[in-house]
Amino acid sequence: MTNKMKTGRVILHVDMNSFYASVEMAHDPTLRGKPVAVAGNVEERKGIIITCSYEARAYGVKTTMPLWEAKKKCPQLVVLPPNFPRYRSSSMAMFDLLRSYTHLVEPVSIDEGYMDVTEHLHQRNVMELAKEIQERIKEELLLPCSIGIAPNKFLAKMASDMKKPMGITVLRKREIDKILWPLPVEEMHGVGKKTAEKLNTINIYSIKDLAKADEYQVKQLLGVNGERIVKRANGIDNRPVDPDAISDFKSIGNSTTLREDSDDERELYKVLEKLSQSVALRLSRKNMVSNNIQLMIRYNNRQTITRSRKLNNVISSEKEILAAAFQLFKKHWSGNPIRLLGVTAQDLVDKKESVKQLDLFSYEKDAKQEPLIKALDVLQSKYGESIIQKGIQNSSGKKKRETDINITTSFQKDFLS
């Protein structure tokens, strides 16, 4: 393969294989070669598989599979709780290694990122470079990865998915009709199950169908995203590799699955309170404010609704987020038992750039709250979010910790913070 493609760019997509499980095996060599899974709520009936080793996949264990089902398929499955500090450390070491080749490294999530190596090849063959990166990650960090090589980010991402684990795949634009187009449209990066179902309604079943489709018709069906995915299906993607893209946040949200389905309003309010606290702290860390709060409710029959509320002024405090979320809850809750709740702050803007219509009293209140928010943030960043616990009264009148609510954070988005 030549060092430069016709576009003049050479992009690598580095995708870690079974990342959480691989990190655990790197940490504990006795786990190597065994079916290993990392699962949330390991002790709970509703625990699900977050990721699993390829040895576990051979038994039919899959990501998002309920833990009881995974153990049924693979009785010898080694199940571990997630260790996010360990994963963050391995992720940062991986990205540091990539940056030793070029500063044009764009993290996409904790376990994948793009590299633009165009200006750094010179006399080197790109395949040799990719092999060296893969081998160094394996030898120095004890972690497997797959690498896609292409003239743009979309094709590089598609290429990295084609050979796992430890694969290196080249996908040239002139090859997409033979390699990419025969694939089902739901296997295309950027097309989820629901989008694929919509595309099926206009007789688009393969990536080739999408590439040849009427762009206007697809745009009418899917909006702006329709135009984008038609171009991608034709191998067109002009996005640069942006090292700062990881700091762009459109929303910050948290959700949690309750231990038991509940229609107890007091209990549900407490869940919303804890979710709002977590969202507020993360907004504070990012120096962001929001003027749109979204509530997600999933009932015990799996029906899911999302409702949002546009606000007159930007907000960032726990109290304000909770008030907006609870107002949505009161308006849209059917009264049926709830399985999951989520709160998301949307339409984020930088705190310094926001303009709030403050009267004298609200200004004073905000000013007084700011030192408290910063103090909480420092404590929780240093000692963990459990260092400060809100309590609820038990029957004896004493406070107890709310340890029965497991918060799921958007760890993929803010792992570098």
Protein backbone atom coordinates (compact mmCIF):
# COMPACT_ATOMS: atom_id res chain seq x y z
CA MET A 1 0.00 0.00 0.00
CA THR A 2 1.28 3.46 -0.84
CA ASN A 3 1.87 5.92 1.94
CA LYS A 4 -0.65 8.44 0.67
CA MET A 5 -4.07 7.82 -0.71
CA LYS A 6 -5.67 9.89 -3.44
CA THR A 7 -7.31 12.23 -0.96
CA GLY A 8 -3.91 13.06 0.48
CA ARG A 9 -4.93 11.85 3.93
CA VAL A 10 -4.18 8.64 5.77
CA ILE A 11 -6.39 8.05 8.80
CA LEU A 12 -6.07 5.25 11.34
CA HIS A 13 -8.94 4.21 13.61
CA VAL A 14 -7.57 2.40 16.66
CA ASP A 15 -10.23 0.33 18.41
CA MET A 16 -9.40 -1.59 21.58
CA ASN A 17 -10.79 -5.15 21.70
CA SER A 18 -13.11 -6.04 24.62
CA PHE A 19 -11.47 -3.16 26.44
CA TYR A 20 -12.73 -3.50 30.03
CA ALA A 21 -12.27 -7.28 30.04
CA SER A 22 -8.84 -6.95 28.41
CA VAL A 23 -7.72 -4.44 31.05
CA GLU A 24 -8.82 -6.85 33.79
CA MET A 25 -6.81 -9.67 32.16
CA ALA A 26 -3.78 -7.40 31.84
CA HIS A 27 -4.11 -6.59 35.55
CA ASP A 28 -4.60 -10.24 36.58
CA PRO A 29 -2.72 -12.68 34.29
CA THR A 30 -4.57 -15.66 35.81
CA LEU A 31 -7.68 -14.51 33.92
CA ARG A 32 -6.05 -14.84 30.49
CA GLY A 33 -7.67 -17.44 28.27
CA LYS A 34 -10.75 -17.63 30.50
CA PRO A 35 -14.29 -16.44 29.72
CA VAL A 36 -14.34 -13.08 31.50
CA ALA A 37 -17.14 -10.53 31.70
CA VAL A 38 -17.44 -7.12 33.31
CA ALA A 39 -20.97 -6.47 34.52
CA GLY A 40 -22.88 -3.76 36.32
CA ASN A 41 -24.75 -4.73 39.50
CA VAL A 42 -22.94 -8.05 39.80
CA GLU A 43 -25.06 -9.04 42.82
CA GLU A 44 -28.35 -7.85 41.37
CA ARG A 45 -31.05 -9.59 39.32
CA LYS A 46 -30.92 -6.80 36.75
CA GLY A 47 -27.16 -6.79 36.25
CA ILE A 48 -26.10 -6.70 32.60
CA ILE A 49 -22.91 -7.54 30.72
CA ILE A 50 -20.93 -4.37 29.91
CA THR A 51 -18.26 -6.21 27.95
CA CYS A 52 -16.83 -9.70 27.73
CA SER A 53 -13.75 -11.49 26.44
CA TYR A 54 -13.71 -13.35 23.14
CA GLU A 55 -13.53 -16.60 25.11
CA ALA A 56 -16.89 -15.67 26.68
CA ARG A 57 -18.33 -14.68 23.30
CA ALA A 58 -17.59 -18.18 22.03
CA TYR A 59 -20.28 -19.39 24.46
CA GLY A 60 -22.80 -16.87 23.14
CA VAL A 61 -22.28 -14.25 25.85
CA LYS A 62 -22.92 -10.74 24.49
CA THR A 63 -22.78 -7.12 25.60
CA THR A 64 -26.06 -5.93 27.27
CA MET A 65 -27.10 -9.54 27.96
CA PRO A 66 -28.66 -10.04 31.43
CA LEU A 67 -26.20 -11.59 33.85
CA TRP A 68 -28.43 -14.58 34.63
CA GLU A 69 -28.65 -15.42 30.94
CA ALA A 70 -24.88 -15.10 30.45
CA LYS A 71 -24.23 -17.47 33.37
CA LYS A 72 -26.72 -19.92 31.92
CA LYS A 73 -24.84 -19.94 28.61
CA CYS A 74 -21.43 -20.07 30.31
CA PRO A 75 -21.55 -21.45 33.89
CA GLN A 76 -17.78 -20.96 34.31
CA LEU A 77 -17.99 -17.26 33.38
CA VAL A 78 -15.73 -15.08 35.55
CA VAL A 79 -17.79 -11.97 36.36
CA LEU A 80 -16.10 -8.82 37.64
CA PRO A 81 -17.51 -5.44 38.70
CA PRO A 82 -16.27 -2.44 36.66
CA ASN A 83 -13.12 -0.68 37.84
CA PHE A 84 -13.31 2.71 36.12
CA PRO A 85 -10.11 4.21 37.58
CA ARG A 86 -8.22 1.21 36.17
CA TYR A 87 -9.84 1.62 32.74
CA ARG A 88 -9.20 5.35 32.71
CA SER A 89 -5.52 4.77 33.50
CA SER A 90 -5.13 2.22 30.69
CA SER A 91 -7.00 4.47 28.27
CA MET A 92 -4.79 7.45 28.98
CA ALA A 93 -1.67 5.30 28.59
CA MET A 94 -2.99 4.10 25.23
CA PHE A 95 -3.66 7.63 23.98
CA ASP A 96 -0.26 8.79 25.22
CA LEU A 97 1.29 6.03 23.13
CA LEU A 98 -0.67 7.14 20.04
CA ARG A 99 0.41 10.75 20.58
CA SER A 100 4.04 9.65 20.48
CA TYR A 101 3.48 9.26 16.71
CA THR A 102 1.42 12.39 16.00
CA HIS A 103 -0.37 15.19 17.84
CA LEU A 104 -3.37 14.65 15.53
CA VAL A 105 -5.08 12.11 17.78
CA GLU A 106 -8.83 12.39 18.38
CA PRO A 107 -10.25 10.31 21.24
CA VAL A 108 -13.80 9.20 20.46
CA SER A 109 -14.43 7.30 23.66
CA ILE A 110 -12.43 5.56 26.35
CA ASP A 111 -11.36 2.76 24.01
CA GLU A 112 -11.14 4.16 20.49
CA GLY A 113 -9.70 7.08 18.60
CA TYR A 114 -8.54 8.42 15.24
CA MET A 115 -5.01 9.31 14.12
CA ASP A 116 -4.07 11.41 11.09
CA VAL A 117 -0.64 10.07 10.16
CA THR A 118 -0.42 11.69 6.72
CA GLU A 119 2.45 14.04 7.52
CA HIS A 120 4.33 11.53 9.63
CA LEU A 121 4.82 8.67 7.20
CA HIS A 122 7.57 10.06 4.96
CA GLN A 123 9.62 6.94 4.17
CA ARG A 124 7.47 4.60 6.26
CA ASN A 125 4.85 2.25 4.89
CA VAL A 126 1.49 2.82 6.60
CA MET A 127 0.88 -0.90 7.11
CA GLU A 128 4.22 -1.23 8.91
CA LEU A 129 3.32 1.77 11.06
CA ALA A 130 -0.05 0.26 11.99
CA LYS A 131 1.59 -3.07 12.88
CA GLU A 132 4.12 -1.28 15.08
CA ILE A 133 1.37 0.62 16.93
CA GLN A 134 -0.65 -2.56 17.43
CA GLU A 135 2.37 -4.51 18.67
CA ARG A 136 3.46 -1.74 21.06
CA ILE A 137 -0.02 -1.53 22.60
CA LYS A 138 0.02 -5.30 23.02
CA GLU A 139 3.56 -5.51 24.43
CA GLU A 140 3.62 -2.37 26.60
CA LEU A 141 0.02 -2.30 27.83
CA LEU A 142 -0.86 -6.00 27.35
CA LEU A 143 -3.98 -4.94 25.43
CA PRO A 144 -5.26 -6.11 22.02
CA CYS A 145 -6.59 -3.68 19.41
CA SER A 146 -7.81 -3.58 15.83
CA ILE A 147 -6.81 -0.84 13.40
CA GLY A 148 -8.59 0.46 10.32
CA ILE A 149 -6.65 2.36 7.64
CA ALA A 150 -8.50 4.60 5.18
CA PRO A 151 -8.54 8.03 3.52
CA ASN A 152 -11.19 9.33 5.94
CA LYS A 153 -12.64 8.77 9.40
CA PHE A 154 -15.81 6.95 8.37
CA LEU A 155 -14.01 4.38 6.22
CA ALA A 156 -11.31 3.92 8.88
CA LYS A 157 -14.00 3.19 11.49
CA MET A 158 -15.71 0.68 9.20
CA ALA A 159 -12.35 -0.97 8.45
CA SER A 160 -11.40 -1.41 12.12
CA ASP A 161 -14.64 -3.35 12.72
CA MET A 162 -13.90 -5.87 9.97
CA LYS A 163 -11.21 -7.95 11.69
CA LYS A 164 -11.38 -8.53 15.45
CA PRO A 165 -9.45 -9.17 17.56
CA MET A 166 -5.98 -7.92 16.58
CA GLY A 167 -6.86 -7.15 12.96
CA ILE A 168 -5.48 -4.52 10.59
CA THR A 169 -7.70 -3.67 7.62
CA VAL A 170 -7.18 -1.27 4.73
CA LEU A 171 -10.29 0.18 3.10
CA ARG A 172 -9.70 2.29 -0.01
CA LYS A 173 -12.47 4.40 -1.48
CA ARG A 174 -12.26 2.55 -4.78
CA GLU A 175 -12.99 -0.71 -2.94
CA ILE A 176 -16.22 0.28 -1.22
CA ASP A 177 -18.44 -1.22 -3.93
CA LYS A 178 -16.94 -4.66 -3.29
CA ILE A 179 -16.27 -4.50 0.47
CA LEU A 180 -18.76 -2.03 1.95
CA TRP A 181 -21.83 -1.98 -0.27
CA PRO A 182 -22.82 -5.66 0.10
CA LEU A 183 -23.21 -5.24 3.90
CA PRO A 184 -26.66 -4.83 5.50
CA VAL A 185 -27.42 -1.15 6.13
CA GLU A 186 -27.68 -1.74 9.91
CA GLU A 187 -23.97 -2.68 9.95
CA MET A 188 -23.00 0.80 8.77
CA HIS A 189 -21.46 3.07 11.38
CA GLY A 190 -23.97 5.81 12.21
CA VAL A 191 -27.03 3.70 11.34
CA GLY A 192 -28.72 2.15 14.36
CA LYS A 193 -31.48 -0.43 14.48
CA LYS A 194 -34.31 2.11 14.45
CA THR A 195 -32.77 4.10 11.59
CA ALA A 196 -32.33 0.87 9.63
CA GLU A 197 -36.00 0.03 10.17
CA LYS A 198 -36.99 3.43 8.80
CA LEU A 199 -34.72 2.96 5.78
CA ASN A 200 -36.28 -0.46 5.16
CA THR A 201 -39.64 1.28 4.66
CA ILE A 202 -38.25 2.92 1.50
CA ASN A 203 -36.59 -0.31 0.30
CA ILE A 204 -33.09 0.43 1.55
CA TYR A 205 -31.66 -2.81 2.94
CA SER A 206 -27.95 -2.71 2.04
CA ILE A 207 -25.29 -0.02 2.17
CA LYS A 208 -25.35 -0.08 -1.64
CA ASP A 209 -29.09 0.69 -1.58
CA LEU A 210 -28.32 3.68 0.64
CA ALA A 211 -25.44 4.85 -1.55
CA LYS A 212 -27.68 4.76 -4.64
CA ALA A 213 -30.76 6.22 -2.91
CA ASP A 214 -32.35 9.55 -3.68
CA GLU A 215 -30.68 11.91 -1.20
CA TYR A 216 -33.75 14.15 -0.97
CA GLN A 217 -36.00 11.19 -0.11
CA VAL A 218 -33.64 9.98 2.63
CA LYS A 219 -33.37 13.52 4.01
CA GLN A 220 -37.17 13.76 4.12
CA LEU A 221 -37.22 10.54 6.12
CA LEU A 222 -34.30 11.18 8.52
CA GLY A 223 -33.66 14.93 8.42
CA VAL A 224 -30.13 16.30 8.17
CA ASN A 225 -28.68 12.94 9.19
CA GLY A 226 -30.16 11.41 6.04
CA GLU A 227 -28.04 13.58 3.78
CA ARG A 228 -24.97 12.78 5.86
CA ILE A 229 -25.32 9.00 5.79
CA VAL A 230 -25.92 8.90 2.03
CA LYS A 231 -22.58 10.68 1.57
CA ARG A 232 -20.89 8.29 4.01
CA ALA A 233 -22.28 5.28 2.14
CA ASN A 234 -20.49 6.68 -0.91
CA GLY A 235 -17.25 6.96 1.05
CA ILE A 236 -17.45 10.75 1.44
CA ASP A 237 -16.35 12.15 4.81
CA ASN A 238 -14.34 15.38 5.00
CA ARG A 239 -14.16 15.67 8.79
CA PRO A 240 -10.62 16.36 10.01
CA VAL A 241 -9.05 14.53 12.93
CA ASP A 242 -9.61 17.04 15.75
CA PRO A 243 -7.61 16.57 18.99
CA ASP A 244 -9.98 18.96 20.81
CA ALA A 245 -13.23 17.27 19.77
CA ILE A 246 -13.43 15.25 23.01
CA SER A 247 -14.09 18.48 24.91
CA ASP A 248 -17.23 19.26 22.87
CA PHE A 249 -20.28 18.37 24.94
CA LYS A 250 -23.83 18.60 23.65
CA SER A 251 -25.42 17.00 26.70
CA ILE A 252 -24.62 15.57 30.12
CA GLY A 253 -26.93 12.94 31.51
CA ASN A 254 -27.29 10.16 34.04
CA SER A 255 -29.72 7.28 34.30
CA THR A 256 -30.31 4.48 36.76
CA THR A 257 -32.24 1.21 36.82
CA LEU A 258 -34.13 0.77 40.09
CA ARG A 259 -33.57 -2.39 42.08
CA GLU A 260 -37.30 -3.03 42.05
CA ASP A 261 -39.94 -1.51 39.78
CA SER A 262 -41.56 1.28 41.77
CA ASP A 263 -44.61 3.54 41.76
CA ASP A 264 -43.69 5.14 45.10
CA GLU A 265 -43.49 8.87 44.33
CA ARG A 266 -41.31 9.61 47.35
CA GLU A 267 -38.79 6.96 46.35
CA LEU A 268 -38.82 8.14 42.72
CA TYR A 269 -38.27 11.74 43.84
CA LYS A 270 -35.16 10.59 45.74
CA VAL A 271 -33.85 8.93 42.58
CA LEU A 272 -34.41 12.15 40.61
CA GLU A 273 -32.66 14.07 43.37
CA LYS A 274 -29.54 11.92 43.19
CA LEU A 275 -29.50 12.00 39.38
CA SER A 276 -29.81 15.80 39.44
CA GLN A 277 -26.96 16.06 41.93
CA SER A 278 -24.69 14.00 39.68
CA VAL A 279 -25.60 15.99 36.55
CA ALA A 280 -25.01 19.28 38.42
CA LEU A 281 -21.55 18.18 39.57
CA ARG A 282 -20.55 17.13 36.09
CA LEU A 283 -21.82 20.41 34.64
CA SER A 284 -19.68 22.20 37.22
CA ARG A 285 -16.59 20.21 36.22
CA LYS A 286 -17.12 21.14 32.59
CA ASN A 287 -17.93 24.78 33.38
CA MET A 288 -21.17 24.34 31.45
CA VAL A 289 -24.77 25.46 31.93
CA SER A 290 -27.97 24.17 30.34
CA ASN A 291 -31.23 25.66 29.14
CA ASN A 292 -33.00 22.39 28.38
CA ILE A 293 -33.67 19.52 30.77
CA GLN A 294 -34.76 16.11 29.51
CA LEU A 295 -36.42 13.36 31.55
CA MET A 296 -36.45 9.70 30.53
CA ILE A 297 -38.91 7.22 32.04
CA ARG A 298 -38.86 3.49 31.31
CA TYR A 299 -41.81 1.56 32.68
CA ASN A 300 -41.85 -2.05 33.86
CA ASN A 301 -43.26 -3.10 30.47
CA ARG A 302 -40.13 -1.61 28.79
CA GLN A 303 -42.10 1.30 27.28
CA THR A 304 -39.77 4.31 27.27
CA ILE A 305 -40.67 7.99 26.98
CA THR A 306 -38.45 11.07 26.88
CA ARG A 307 -39.77 14.56 27.55
CA SER A 308 -37.81 17.81 27.63
CA ARG A 309 -38.40 21.33 28.88
CA LYS A 310 -36.87 24.47 27.38
CA LEU A 311 -35.98 26.96 30.11
CA ASN A 312 -36.11 30.75 30.11
CA ASN A 313 -32.73 31.01 31.81
CA VAL A 314 -29.69 28.74 31.85
CA ILE A 315 -29.28 26.56 34.93
CA SER A 316 -26.56 24.41 36.47
CA SER A 317 -27.40 23.78 40.15
CA GLU A 318 -28.81 20.56 41.57
CA LYS A 319 -31.88 22.36 42.90
CA GLU A 320 -32.72 23.93 39.54
CA ILE A 321 -32.16 20.71 37.58
CA LEU A 322 -34.27 18.73 40.07
CA ALA A 323 -37.10 21.30 39.90
CA ALA A 324 -37.22 21.10 36.10
CA ALA A 325 -36.97 17.30 36.08
CA PHE A 326 -39.63 16.83 38.74
CA GLN A 327 -42.00 19.20 36.94
CA LEU A 328 -41.62 17.03 33.83
CA PHE A 329 -42.11 13.92 35.97
CA LYS A 330 -45.34 15.20 37.54
CA LYS A 331 -46.70 16.16 34.13
CA HIS A 332 -45.84 13.01 32.19
CA TRP A 333 -45.73 10.09 34.66
CA SER A 334 -48.63 7.74 34.01
CA GLY A 335 -48.59 6.36 37.54
CA ASN A 336 -47.43 2.92 36.37
CA PRO A 337 -44.41 1.20 37.99
CA ILE A 338 -41.08 2.57 36.77
CA ARG A 339 -38.00 0.51 35.94
CA LEU A 340 -35.52 3.28 34.97
CA LEU A 341 -35.21 7.05 35.31
CA GLY A 342 -32.80 9.41 33.54
CA VAL A 343 -32.07 13.12 33.73
CA THR A 344 -30.11 14.92 31.02
CA ALA A 345 -28.97 18.54 30.71
CA GLN A 346 -29.10 19.52 27.03
CA ASP A 347 -28.25 22.53 24.84
CA LEU A 348 -25.09 23.14 26.85
CA VAL A 349 -23.13 26.38 26.65
CA ASP A 350 -19.94 27.51 28.31
CA LYS A 351 -20.63 29.24 31.61
CA LYS A 352 -18.51 32.23 30.61
CA GLU A 353 -20.48 32.69 27.41
CA SER A 354 -23.93 32.35 28.94
CA VAL A 355 -26.10 35.39 29.62
CA LYS A 356 -28.61 35.04 32.45
CA GLN A 357 -31.36 37.52 33.22
CA LEU A 358 -30.69 37.91 36.92
CA ASP A 359 -32.52 40.03 39.37
CA LEU A 360 -30.75 41.15 42.55
CA PHE A 361 -32.03 38.27 44.68
CA SER A 362 -31.22 35.47 42.23
CA TYR A 363 -27.77 36.94 41.68
CA GLU A 364 -27.02 36.89 45.39
CA LYS A 365 -28.32 33.32 45.69
CA ASP A 366 -26.16 32.13 42.78
CA ALA A 367 -23.11 33.89 44.18
CA LYS A 368 -23.57 32.22 47.56
CA GLN A 369 -23.99 28.78 46.01
CA GLU A 370 -20.86 28.93 43.87
CA PRO A 371 -18.28 28.29 46.66
CA LEU A 372 -20.37 25.35 47.95
CA ILE A 373 -20.59 23.75 44.50
CA LYS A 374 -16.83 24.12 44.03
CA ALA A 375 -16.13 22.66 47.48
CA LEU A 376 -18.36 19.65 46.78
CA ASP A 377 -16.67 19.16 43.43
CA VAL A 378 -13.18 19.20 44.97
CA LEU A 379 -14.17 16.69 47.66
CA GLN A 380 -15.91 14.33 45.28
CA SER A 381 -13.17 14.56 42.66
CA LYS A 382 -10.56 13.69 45.28
CA TYR A 383 -12.39 11.08 47.33
CA GLY A 384 -15.19 9.88 45.05
CA GLU A 385 -18.85 10.79 44.79
CA SER A 386 -19.74 8.66 47.83
CA ILE A 387 -17.81 11.00 50.18
CA ILE A 388 -20.92 13.16 50.54
CA GLN A 389 -24.19 11.29 50.88
CA LYS A 390 -27.67 12.67 51.19
CA GLY A 391 -29.77 10.73 53.66
CA ILE A 392 -33.37 9.66 54.00
CA GLN A 393 -35.16 9.01 57.25
CA ASN A 394 -35.72 5.40 58.26
CA SER A 395 -38.39 4.20 60.60
CA SER A 396 -36.24 4.94 63.65
CA GLY A 397 -35.79 8.55 62.62
CA LYS A 398 -32.09 8.12 61.84
CA LYS A 399 -30.59 8.89 58.48
CA LYS A 400 -29.32 6.08 56.32
CA ARG A 401 -27.24 6.20 53.19
CA GLU A 402 -28.95 5.75 49.88
CA THR A 403 -26.87 2.79 48.80
CA ASP A 404 -29.69 1.12 46.86
CA ILE A 405 -29.45 3.37 43.81
CA ASN A 406 -26.80 2.60 41.24
CA ILE A 407 -25.97 5.59 39.05
CA THR A 408 -24.79 4.97 35.49
CA THR A 409 -22.68 7.88 34.29
CA SER A 410 -21.67 8.85 30.77
CA PHE A 411 -18.17 7.58 31.48
CA GLN A 412 -17.36 7.27 27.78
CA LYS A 413 -17.72 11.05 27.36
CA ASP A 414 -15.75 12.43 30.27
CA PHE A 415 -13.09 9.79 30.94
CA LEU A 416 -10.27 12.26 30.23
CA SER A 417 -11.44 14.78 32.80
